[in-house]
Amino acid sequence: MSSKLGKKKTALLGLVASAVGSLMVFFLSYSSLPLLMLINFISGIFDGAGYITLTSMVSDCVEYGEWKTGKRSEGMIFSINIFKSKIASAIGGSVCGYILAYIGYNANSSQSTFTLNGIHLIQTIIPCIIVVISFLLLRRYNLSEAEYDAIVDDLKNGVTRVSQ
């Protein structure tokens, strides 16, 4: 998909599909299990393509950084990305835990309608909001496929653009 559309457009398409899928699941609520599963399946395919593309864009930053500074720092870039992911998981998990406590979730027991609706919001609207924020930030990513290819060619030829 990214070879036809480009990385940025593939990532943006994946984010849009994720947001639309989350909203559709929210509005369908509990009415049709087969339709919910179909929507999750289709948006999951686009989610996967989008998130894999976003991950591959991290390595683009390595080449861009080397081209710009003359120093290759892939260990630092990937380490920071992994650290960021762990911090985001910790924050996301704790926020969900606090929300579950607030809405009255009790493990291994029947949940109230208020609790079920809260869980439904956690699984649909909150991810949709995060995806929309990601979409807005990714739109500012200005490295085109042609520019990236030129940078890789420069690096193969030993050319860097060291900033002073």
N, C-alpha and C. Protein backbone atom coordinates (compact mmCIF):
# COMPACT_ATOMS: atom_id res chain seq x y z
N MET A 1 0.82 -1.18 0.00
CA MET A 1 0.00 0.00 0.00
C MET A 1 0.87 1.26 0.00
N SER A 2 1.93 1.25 0.81
CA SER A 2 2.77 2.45 0.89
C SER A 2 3.62 2.63 -0.37
N SER A 3 3.88 1.54 -1.11
CA SER A 3 4.63 1.70 -2.35
C SER A 3 3.77 2.41 -3.41
N LYS A 4 2.47 2.28 -3.33
CA LYS A 4 1.57 2.95 -4.27
C LYS A 4 1.21 4.36 -3.80
N LEU A 5 0.92 4.52 -2.51
CA LEU A 5 0.45 5.81 -1.99
C LEU A 5 1.56 6.68 -1.40
N GLY A 6 2.63 6.05 -0.97
CA GLY A 6 3.65 6.76 -0.20
C GLY A 6 3.41 6.54 1.28
N LYS A 7 4.47 6.68 2.06
CA LYS A 7 4.37 6.38 3.49
C LYS A 7 3.41 7.32 4.22
N LYS A 8 3.54 8.61 3.97
CA LYS A 8 2.71 9.57 4.69
C LYS A 8 1.23 9.35 4.39
N LYS A 9 0.88 9.17 3.12
CA LYS A 9 -0.53 8.97 2.76
C LYS A 9 -1.06 7.65 3.30
N THR A 10 -0.23 6.61 3.31
CA THR A 10 -0.65 5.33 3.88
C THR A 10 -0.92 5.46 5.37
N ALA A 11 -0.02 6.15 6.07
CA ALA A 11 -0.21 6.36 7.52
C ALA A 11 -1.46 7.19 7.78
N LEU A 12 -1.66 8.25 7.00
CA LEU A 12 -2.85 9.08 7.17
C LEU A 12 -4.13 8.30 6.88
N LEU A 13 -4.11 7.47 5.83
CA LEU A 13 -5.26 6.64 5.51
C LEU A 13 -5.56 5.66 6.65
N GLY A 14 -4.51 5.06 7.20
CA GLY A 14 -4.70 4.15 8.33
C GLY A 14 -5.31 4.85 9.53
N LEU A 15 -4.86 6.08 9.80
CA LEU A 15 -5.41 6.83 10.93
C LEU A 15 -6.88 7.22 10.68
N VAL A 16 -7.18 7.62 9.46
CA VAL A 16 -8.58 7.97 9.13
C VAL A 16 -9.47 6.73 9.28
N ALA A 17 -9.02 5.59 8.75
CA ALA A 17 -9.81 4.36 8.85
C ALA A 17 -10.01 3.96 10.31
N SER A 18 -9.00 4.16 11.13
CA SER A 18 -9.11 3.84 12.55
C SER A 18 -10.14 4.73 13.23
N ALA A 19 -10.08 6.03 12.95
CA ALA A 19 -11.03 6.96 13.56
C ALA A 19 -12.46 6.68 13.09
N VAL A 20 -12.64 6.45 11.80
CA VAL A 20 -13.97 6.17 11.26
C VAL A 20 -14.50 4.86 11.84
N GLY A 21 -13.63 3.84 11.91
CA GLY A 21 -14.05 2.56 12.49
C GLY A 21 -14.47 2.70 13.94
N SER A 22 -13.71 3.46 14.71
CA SER A 22 -14.06 3.69 16.12
C SER A 22 -15.40 4.40 16.25
N LEU A 23 -15.61 5.42 15.43
CA LEU A 23 -16.89 6.14 15.49
C LEU A 23 -18.06 5.25 15.08
N MET A 24 -17.85 4.42 14.05
CA MET A 24 -18.92 3.51 13.63
C MET A 24 -19.27 2.53 14.73
N VAL A 25 -18.25 1.99 15.38
CA VAL A 25 -18.50 1.05 16.49
C VAL A 25 -19.22 1.76 17.63
N PHE A 26 -18.83 3.02 17.90
CA PHE A 26 -19.50 3.78 18.96
C PHE A 26 -20.98 3.94 18.66
N PHE A 27 -21.32 4.34 17.44
CA PHE A 27 -22.72 4.61 17.11
C PHE A 27 -23.54 3.35 16.93
N LEU A 28 -22.89 2.23 16.54
CA LEU A 28 -23.63 0.97 16.46
C LEU A 28 -23.95 0.44 17.84
N SER A 29 -23.11 0.80 18.78
CA SER A 29 -23.25 0.36 20.16
C SER A 29 -23.31 -1.16 20.22
N TYR A 30 -24.36 -1.72 20.79
CA TYR A 30 -24.42 -3.16 20.98
C TYR A 30 -25.42 -3.83 20.04
N SER A 31 -25.82 -3.14 18.97
CA SER A 31 -26.95 -3.60 18.17
C SER A 31 -26.66 -4.79 17.26
N SER A 32 -25.49 -4.86 16.64
CA SER A 32 -25.24 -5.90 15.65
C SER A 32 -23.82 -6.44 15.77
N LEU A 33 -23.69 -7.58 16.39
CA LEU A 33 -22.36 -8.17 16.58
C LEU A 33 -21.66 -8.49 15.26
N PRO A 34 -22.32 -9.11 14.27
CA PRO A 34 -21.61 -9.38 13.00
C PRO A 34 -21.11 -8.10 12.32
N LEU A 35 -21.91 -7.04 12.35
CA LEU A 35 -21.49 -5.78 11.74
C LEU A 35 -20.33 -5.16 12.51
N LEU A 36 -20.37 -5.24 13.84
CA LEU A 36 -19.25 -4.75 14.66
C LEU A 36 -17.96 -5.50 14.32
N MET A 37 -18.08 -6.81 14.17
CA MET A 37 -16.89 -7.61 13.85
C MET A 37 -16.36 -7.25 12.46
N LEU A 38 -17.24 -7.04 11.50
CA LEU A 38 -16.82 -6.67 10.15
C LEU A 38 -16.12 -5.31 10.15
N ILE A 39 -16.68 -4.35 10.85
CA ILE A 39 -16.05 -3.02 10.92
C ILE A 39 -14.68 -3.11 11.58
N ASN A 40 -14.59 -3.87 12.67
CA ASN A 40 -13.30 -4.04 13.34
C ASN A 40 -12.29 -4.73 12.43
N PHE A 41 -12.73 -5.70 11.66
CA PHE A 41 -11.84 -6.42 10.74
C PHE A 41 -11.29 -5.47 9.67
N ILE A 42 -12.19 -4.72 9.03
CA ILE A 42 -11.76 -3.82 7.95
C ILE A 42 -10.89 -2.69 8.48
N SER A 43 -11.31 -2.06 9.56
CA SER A 43 -10.48 -0.96 10.08
C SER A 43 -9.17 -1.50 10.65
N GLY A 44 -9.17 -2.74 11.11
CA GLY A 44 -7.93 -3.35 11.61
C GLY A 44 -6.89 -3.53 10.53
N ILE A 45 -7.32 -3.86 9.33
CA ILE A 45 -6.38 -3.99 8.21
C ILE A 45 -5.72 -2.64 7.93
N PHE A 46 -6.54 -1.59 7.88
CA PHE A 46 -5.99 -0.26 7.63
C PHE A 46 -5.16 0.24 8.81
N ASP A 47 -5.61 -0.10 10.04
CA ASP A 47 -4.82 0.26 11.23
C ASP A 47 -3.42 -0.33 11.13
N GLY A 48 -3.36 -1.61 10.79
CA GLY A 48 -2.07 -2.29 10.70
C GLY A 48 -1.17 -1.64 9.67
N ALA A 49 -1.72 -1.36 8.49
CA ALA A 49 -0.93 -0.71 7.44
C ALA A 49 -0.45 0.65 7.90
N GLY A 50 -1.31 1.40 8.55
CA GLY A 50 -0.94 2.74 9.02
C GLY A 50 0.13 2.70 10.09
N TYR A 51 -0.03 1.84 11.08
CA TYR A 51 0.93 1.81 12.18
C TYR A 51 2.27 1.20 11.78
N ILE A 52 2.26 0.23 10.89
CA ILE A 52 3.52 -0.32 10.39
C ILE A 52 4.26 0.76 9.60
N THR A 53 3.50 1.52 8.81
CA THR A 53 4.12 2.61 8.05
C THR A 53 4.68 3.67 8.98
N LEU A 54 3.96 4.02 10.02
CA LEU A 54 4.48 5.00 10.99
C LEU A 54 5.78 4.51 11.62
N THR A 55 5.85 3.23 11.93
CA THR A 55 7.07 2.67 12.49
C THR A 55 8.21 2.74 11.50
N SER A 56 7.92 2.47 10.23
CA SER A 56 8.99 2.54 9.22
C SER A 56 9.46 3.98 9.01
N MET A 57 8.62 4.95 9.31
CA MET A 57 9.02 6.34 9.16
C MET A 57 10.04 6.75 10.22
N VAL A 58 10.11 6.00 11.31
CA VAL A 58 11.14 6.29 12.32
C VAL A 58 12.52 6.08 11.72
N SER A 59 12.68 5.02 10.92
CA SER A 59 13.99 4.79 10.31
C SER A 59 14.32 5.86 9.28
N ASP A 60 13.31 6.47 8.67
CA ASP A 60 13.57 7.60 7.77
C ASP A 60 14.25 8.74 8.52
N CYS A 61 13.89 8.89 9.78
CA CYS A 61 14.50 9.95 10.59
C CYS A 61 15.99 9.70 10.79
N VAL A 62 16.39 8.43 10.83
CA VAL A 62 17.81 8.09 10.99
C VAL A 62 18.59 8.62 9.79
N GLU A 63 18.11 8.30 8.59
CA GLU A 63 18.80 8.77 7.38
C GLU A 63 18.78 10.28 7.27
N TYR A 64 17.64 10.88 7.58
CA TYR A 64 17.54 12.33 7.50
C TYR A 64 18.52 12.98 8.49
N GLY A 65 18.57 12.45 9.70
CA GLY A 65 19.49 12.99 10.70
C GLY A 65 20.94 12.85 10.27
N GLU A 66 21.29 11.70 9.69
CA GLU A 66 22.67 11.51 9.22
C GLU A 66 22.98 12.48 8.08
N TRP A 67 22.04 12.64 7.18
CA TRP A 67 22.24 13.53 6.05
C TRP A 67 22.40 14.98 6.52
N LYS A 68 21.63 15.35 7.54
CA LYS A 68 21.63 16.74 8.03
C LYS A 68 22.84 17.04 8.90
N THR A 69 23.29 16.06 9.71
CA THR A 69 24.34 16.33 10.69
C THR A 69 25.66 15.64 10.38
N GLY A 70 25.63 14.61 9.54
CA GLY A 70 26.83 13.83 9.27
C GLY A 70 27.07 12.73 10.30
N LYS A 71 26.17 12.59 11.26
CA LYS A 71 26.30 11.56 12.31
C LYS A 71 25.10 10.63 12.26
N ARG A 72 25.38 9.34 12.36
CA ARG A 72 24.31 8.34 12.35
C ARG A 72 23.98 7.99 13.79
N SER A 73 22.74 8.19 14.19
CA SER A 73 22.37 7.98 15.59
C SER A 73 21.14 7.09 15.71
N GLU A 74 21.15 5.98 14.96
CA GLU A 74 19.98 5.11 14.97
C GLU A 74 19.71 4.50 16.34
N GLY A 75 20.76 4.19 17.09
CA GLY A 75 20.55 3.63 18.43
C GLY A 75 19.78 4.59 19.31
N MET A 76 20.14 5.85 19.26
CA MET A 76 19.46 6.85 20.08
C MET A 76 18.02 7.06 19.61
N ILE A 77 17.82 7.14 18.30
CA ILE A 77 16.47 7.38 17.78
C ILE A 77 15.54 6.22 18.11
N PHE A 78 16.00 4.98 17.91
CA PHE A 78 15.14 3.84 18.21
C PHE A 78 14.94 3.67 19.71
N SER A 79 15.97 3.97 20.50
CA SER A 79 15.83 3.88 21.95
C SER A 79 14.81 4.89 22.46
N ILE A 80 14.87 6.10 21.94
CA ILE A 80 13.90 7.12 22.35
C ILE A 80 12.49 6.71 21.93
N ASN A 81 12.36 6.13 20.74
CA ASN A 81 11.04 5.68 20.28
C ASN A 81 10.50 4.57 21.18
N ILE A 82 11.33 3.64 21.57
CA ILE A 82 10.89 2.56 22.46
C ILE A 82 10.53 3.12 23.84
N PHE A 83 11.36 4.03 24.34
CA PHE A 83 11.09 4.65 25.64
C PHE A 83 9.76 5.41 25.60
N LYS A 84 9.54 6.17 24.53
CA LYS A 84 8.29 6.91 24.35
C LYS A 84 7.11 5.95 24.35
N SER A 85 7.24 4.83 23.68
CA SER A 85 6.16 3.84 23.62
C SER A 85 5.86 3.27 25.00
N LYS A 86 6.90 3.00 25.76
CA LYS A 86 6.70 2.46 27.11
C LYS A 86 6.04 3.48 28.04
N ILE A 87 6.48 4.73 27.94
CA ILE A 87 5.86 5.79 28.76
C ILE A 87 4.39 5.97 28.36
N ALA A 88 4.13 5.98 27.04
CA ALA A 88 2.74 6.14 26.57
C ALA A 88 1.87 4.97 27.05
N SER A 89 2.41 3.76 27.02
CA SER A 89 1.65 2.60 27.50
C SER A 89 1.36 2.71 28.99
N ALA A 90 2.34 3.17 29.74
CA ALA A 90 2.15 3.32 31.19
C ALA A 90 1.10 4.38 31.49
N ILE A 91 1.19 5.51 30.81
CA ILE A 91 0.21 6.58 31.03
C ILE A 91 -1.18 6.13 30.59
N GLY A 92 -1.26 5.53 29.39
CA GLY A 92 -2.55 5.06 28.89
C GLY A 92 -3.17 4.01 29.80
N GLY A 93 -2.35 3.08 30.28
CA GLY A 93 -2.87 2.05 31.18
C GLY A 93 -3.35 2.62 32.50
N SER A 94 -2.60 3.57 33.03
CA SER A 94 -3.03 4.15 34.31
C SER A 94 -4.28 5.01 34.15
N VAL A 95 -4.37 5.77 33.05
CA VAL A 95 -5.58 6.57 32.82
C VAL A 95 -6.79 5.66 32.67
N CYS A 96 -6.65 4.57 31.91
CA CYS A 96 -7.76 3.62 31.77
C CYS A 96 -8.12 3.00 33.12
N GLY A 97 -7.12 2.70 33.93
CA GLY A 97 -7.38 2.15 35.26
C GLY A 97 -8.16 3.11 36.13
N TYR A 98 -7.79 4.38 36.09
CA TYR A 98 -8.52 5.40 36.87
C TYR A 98 -9.95 5.56 36.35
N ILE A 99 -10.10 5.55 35.03
CA ILE A 99 -11.44 5.66 34.46
C ILE A 99 -12.30 4.46 34.86
N LEU A 100 -11.72 3.26 34.79
CA LEU A 100 -12.46 2.06 35.19
C LEU A 100 -12.87 2.12 36.66
N ALA A 101 -11.98 2.61 37.49
CA ALA A 101 -12.33 2.76 38.91
C ALA A 101 -13.45 3.78 39.08
N TYR A 102 -13.38 4.88 38.34
CA TYR A 102 -14.39 5.93 38.43
C TYR A 102 -15.76 5.44 37.99
N ILE A 103 -15.80 4.64 36.92
CA ILE A 103 -17.10 4.18 36.41
C ILE A 103 -17.63 2.96 37.15
N GLY A 104 -16.90 2.48 38.15
CA GLY A 104 -17.40 1.41 39.00
C GLY A 104 -17.15 0.00 38.49
N TYR A 105 -16.12 -0.19 37.71
CA TYR A 105 -15.82 -1.53 37.21
C TYR A 105 -15.37 -2.43 38.34
N ASN A 106 -15.96 -3.63 38.41
CA ASN A 106 -15.56 -4.67 39.36
C ASN A 106 -15.33 -5.95 38.58
N ALA A 107 -14.12 -6.48 38.70
CA ALA A 107 -13.77 -7.69 37.96
C ALA A 107 -14.64 -8.87 38.39
N ASN A 108 -14.90 -9.76 37.46
CA ASN A 108 -15.63 -11.01 37.69
C ASN A 108 -17.01 -10.80 38.29
N SER A 109 -17.68 -9.74 37.88
CA SER A 109 -19.06 -9.51 38.32
C SER A 109 -19.83 -8.82 37.20
N SER A 110 -21.14 -8.82 37.33
CA SER A 110 -21.98 -8.13 36.35
C SER A 110 -21.75 -6.63 36.49
N GLN A 111 -21.70 -5.96 35.34
CA GLN A 111 -21.43 -4.53 35.35
C GLN A 111 -22.73 -3.75 35.15
N SER A 112 -22.78 -2.57 35.74
CA SER A 112 -23.95 -1.71 35.57
C SER A 112 -23.96 -1.13 34.16
N THR A 113 -25.08 -0.59 33.76
CA THR A 113 -25.19 0.06 32.44
C THR A 113 -24.21 1.22 32.35
N PHE A 114 -24.07 1.99 33.42
CA PHE A 114 -23.12 3.12 33.45
C PHE A 114 -21.70 2.62 33.20
N THR A 115 -21.33 1.51 33.84
CA THR A 115 -19.99 0.95 33.67
C THR A 115 -19.79 0.45 32.24
N LEU A 116 -20.77 -0.27 31.71
CA LEU A 116 -20.66 -0.77 30.34
C LEU A 116 -20.55 0.37 29.33
N ASN A 117 -21.31 1.43 29.54
CA ASN A 117 -21.21 2.59 28.65
C ASN A 117 -19.84 3.27 28.78
N GLY A 118 -19.29 3.30 29.97
CA GLY A 118 -17.95 3.85 30.17
C GLY A 118 -16.89 3.04 29.47
N ILE A 119 -17.00 1.72 29.56
CA ILE A 119 -16.05 0.84 28.86
C ILE A 119 -16.19 1.06 27.35
N HIS A 120 -17.41 1.20 26.89
CA HIS A 120 -17.66 1.45 25.47
C HIS A 120 -16.97 2.75 25.02
N LEU A 121 -17.05 3.79 25.83
CA LEU A 121 -16.36 5.06 25.51
C LEU A 121 -14.85 4.89 25.49
N ILE A 122 -14.32 4.13 26.45
CA ILE A 122 -12.87 3.90 26.52
C ILE A 122 -12.38 3.20 25.25
N GLN A 123 -13.17 2.31 24.71
CA GLN A 123 -12.75 1.53 23.55
C GLN A 123 -13.06 2.19 22.21
N THR A 124 -13.84 3.26 22.20
CA THR A 124 -14.21 3.87 20.92
C THR A 124 -13.83 5.35 20.83
N ILE A 125 -14.37 6.17 21.68
CA ILE A 125 -14.19 7.62 21.55
C ILE A 125 -12.79 8.06 21.95
N ILE A 126 -12.26 7.55 23.03
CA ILE A 126 -10.91 7.96 23.46
C ILE A 126 -9.86 7.59 22.41
N PRO A 127 -9.86 6.37 21.86
CA PRO A 127 -8.91 6.09 20.77
C PRO A 127 -9.14 6.99 19.55
N CYS A 128 -10.39 7.30 19.26
CA CYS A 128 -10.68 8.17 18.12
C CYS A 128 -10.07 9.55 18.33
N ILE A 129 -10.16 10.09 19.52
CA ILE A 129 -9.58 11.40 19.82
C ILE A 129 -8.06 11.35 19.67
N ILE A 130 -7.43 10.30 20.17
CA ILE A 130 -5.98 10.15 20.06
C ILE A 130 -5.56 10.04 18.59
N VAL A 131 -6.33 9.29 17.81
CA VAL A 131 -6.02 9.12 16.38
C VAL A 131 -6.15 10.46 15.65
N VAL A 132 -7.16 11.25 15.97
CA VAL A 132 -7.33 12.55 15.31
C VAL A 132 -6.14 13.46 15.65
N ILE A 133 -5.69 13.44 16.88
CA ILE A 133 -4.51 14.23 17.25
C ILE A 133 -3.29 13.75 16.48
N SER A 134 -3.11 12.44 16.37
CA SER A 134 -1.99 11.88 15.60
C SER A 134 -2.07 12.30 14.14
N PHE A 135 -3.27 12.28 13.59
CA PHE A 135 -3.49 12.68 12.19
C PHE A 135 -3.03 14.14 11.99
N LEU A 136 -3.44 15.00 12.90
CA LEU A 136 -3.08 16.42 12.78
C LEU A 136 -1.57 16.62 12.86
N LEU A 137 -0.91 15.87 13.75
CA LEU A 137 0.53 15.99 13.87
C LEU A 137 1.25 15.43 12.65
N LEU A 138 0.78 14.31 12.13
CA LEU A 138 1.43 13.68 10.98
C LEU A 138 1.31 14.53 9.72
N ARG A 139 0.28 15.32 9.63
CA ARG A 139 0.14 16.20 8.46
C ARG A 139 1.30 17.18 8.36
N ARG A 140 1.98 17.44 9.46
CA ARG A 140 3.11 18.37 9.47
C ARG A 140 4.42 17.69 9.05
N TYR A 141 4.41 16.39 8.84
CA TYR A 141 5.59 15.64 8.40
C TYR A 141 5.82 15.98 6.93
N ASN A 142 6.89 16.71 6.63
CA ASN A 142 7.07 17.26 5.29
C ASN A 142 8.06 16.52 4.40
N LEU A 143 8.63 15.43 4.85
CA LEU A 143 9.60 14.70 4.05
C LEU A 143 8.87 13.86 3.01
N SER A 144 9.00 14.23 1.73
CA SER A 144 8.32 13.49 0.66
C SER A 144 9.14 12.26 0.28
N GLU A 145 8.51 11.37 -0.47
CA GLU A 145 9.20 10.16 -0.93
C GLU A 145 10.39 10.53 -1.82
N ALA A 146 10.21 11.51 -2.69
CA ALA A 146 11.29 11.93 -3.60
C ALA A 146 12.46 12.52 -2.81
N GLU A 147 12.15 13.34 -1.81
CA GLU A 147 13.22 13.92 -0.98
C GLU A 147 13.96 12.84 -0.21
N TYR A 148 13.21 11.87 0.31
CA TYR A 148 13.83 10.78 1.05
C TYR A 148 14.75 9.97 0.13
N ASP A 149 14.28 9.65 -1.07
CA ASP A 149 15.11 8.91 -2.02
C ASP A 149 16.39 9.68 -2.36
N ALA A 150 16.28 11.00 -2.50
CA ALA A 150 17.46 11.83 -2.78
C ALA A 150 18.43 11.80 -1.60
N ILE A 151 17.91 11.82 -0.39
CA ILE A 151 18.76 11.76 0.80
C ILE A 151 19.50 10.44 0.85
N VAL A 152 18.79 9.34 0.60
CA VAL A 152 19.43 8.02 0.61
C VAL A 152 20.51 7.94 -0.47
N ASP A 153 20.22 8.48 -1.65
CA ASP A 153 21.24 8.50 -2.71
C ASP A 153 22.45 9.32 -2.29
N ASP A 154 22.22 10.48 -1.67
CA ASP A 154 23.33 11.31 -1.18
C ASP A 154 24.18 10.53 -0.18
N LEU A 155 23.52 9.82 0.74
CA LEU A 155 24.25 9.07 1.76
C LEU A 155 25.06 7.94 1.14
N LYS A 156 24.50 7.28 0.11
CA LYS A 156 25.24 6.21 -0.57
C LYS A 156 26.49 6.76 -1.24
N ASN A 157 26.42 8.01 -1.69
CA ASN A 157 27.55 8.66 -2.35
C ASN A 157 28.45 9.43 -1.39
N GLY A 158 28.16 9.32 -0.09
CA GLY A 158 28.99 9.98 0.92
C GLY A 158 28.74 11.47 1.07
N VAL A 159 27.61 11.95 0.57
CA VAL A 159 27.29 13.37 0.66
C VAL A 159 26.39 13.60 1.87
N THR A 160 26.77 14.54 2.73
CA THR A 160 25.93 14.96 3.85
C THR A 160 25.77 16.47 3.80
N ARG A 161 24.78 16.95 4.45
CA ARG A 161 24.51 18.39 4.52
C ARG A 161 24.68 18.81 5.96
N VAL A 162 25.90 18.92 6.41
CA VAL A 162 26.19 19.22 7.81
C VAL A 162 25.80 20.65 8.10
N SER A 163 24.89 20.80 9.09
CA SER A 163 24.46 22.14 9.51
C SER A 163 25.52 22.78 10.38
N GLN A 164 25.74 24.03 10.18
CA GLN A 164 26.73 24.76 10.99
C GLN A 164 26.07 25.42 12.17
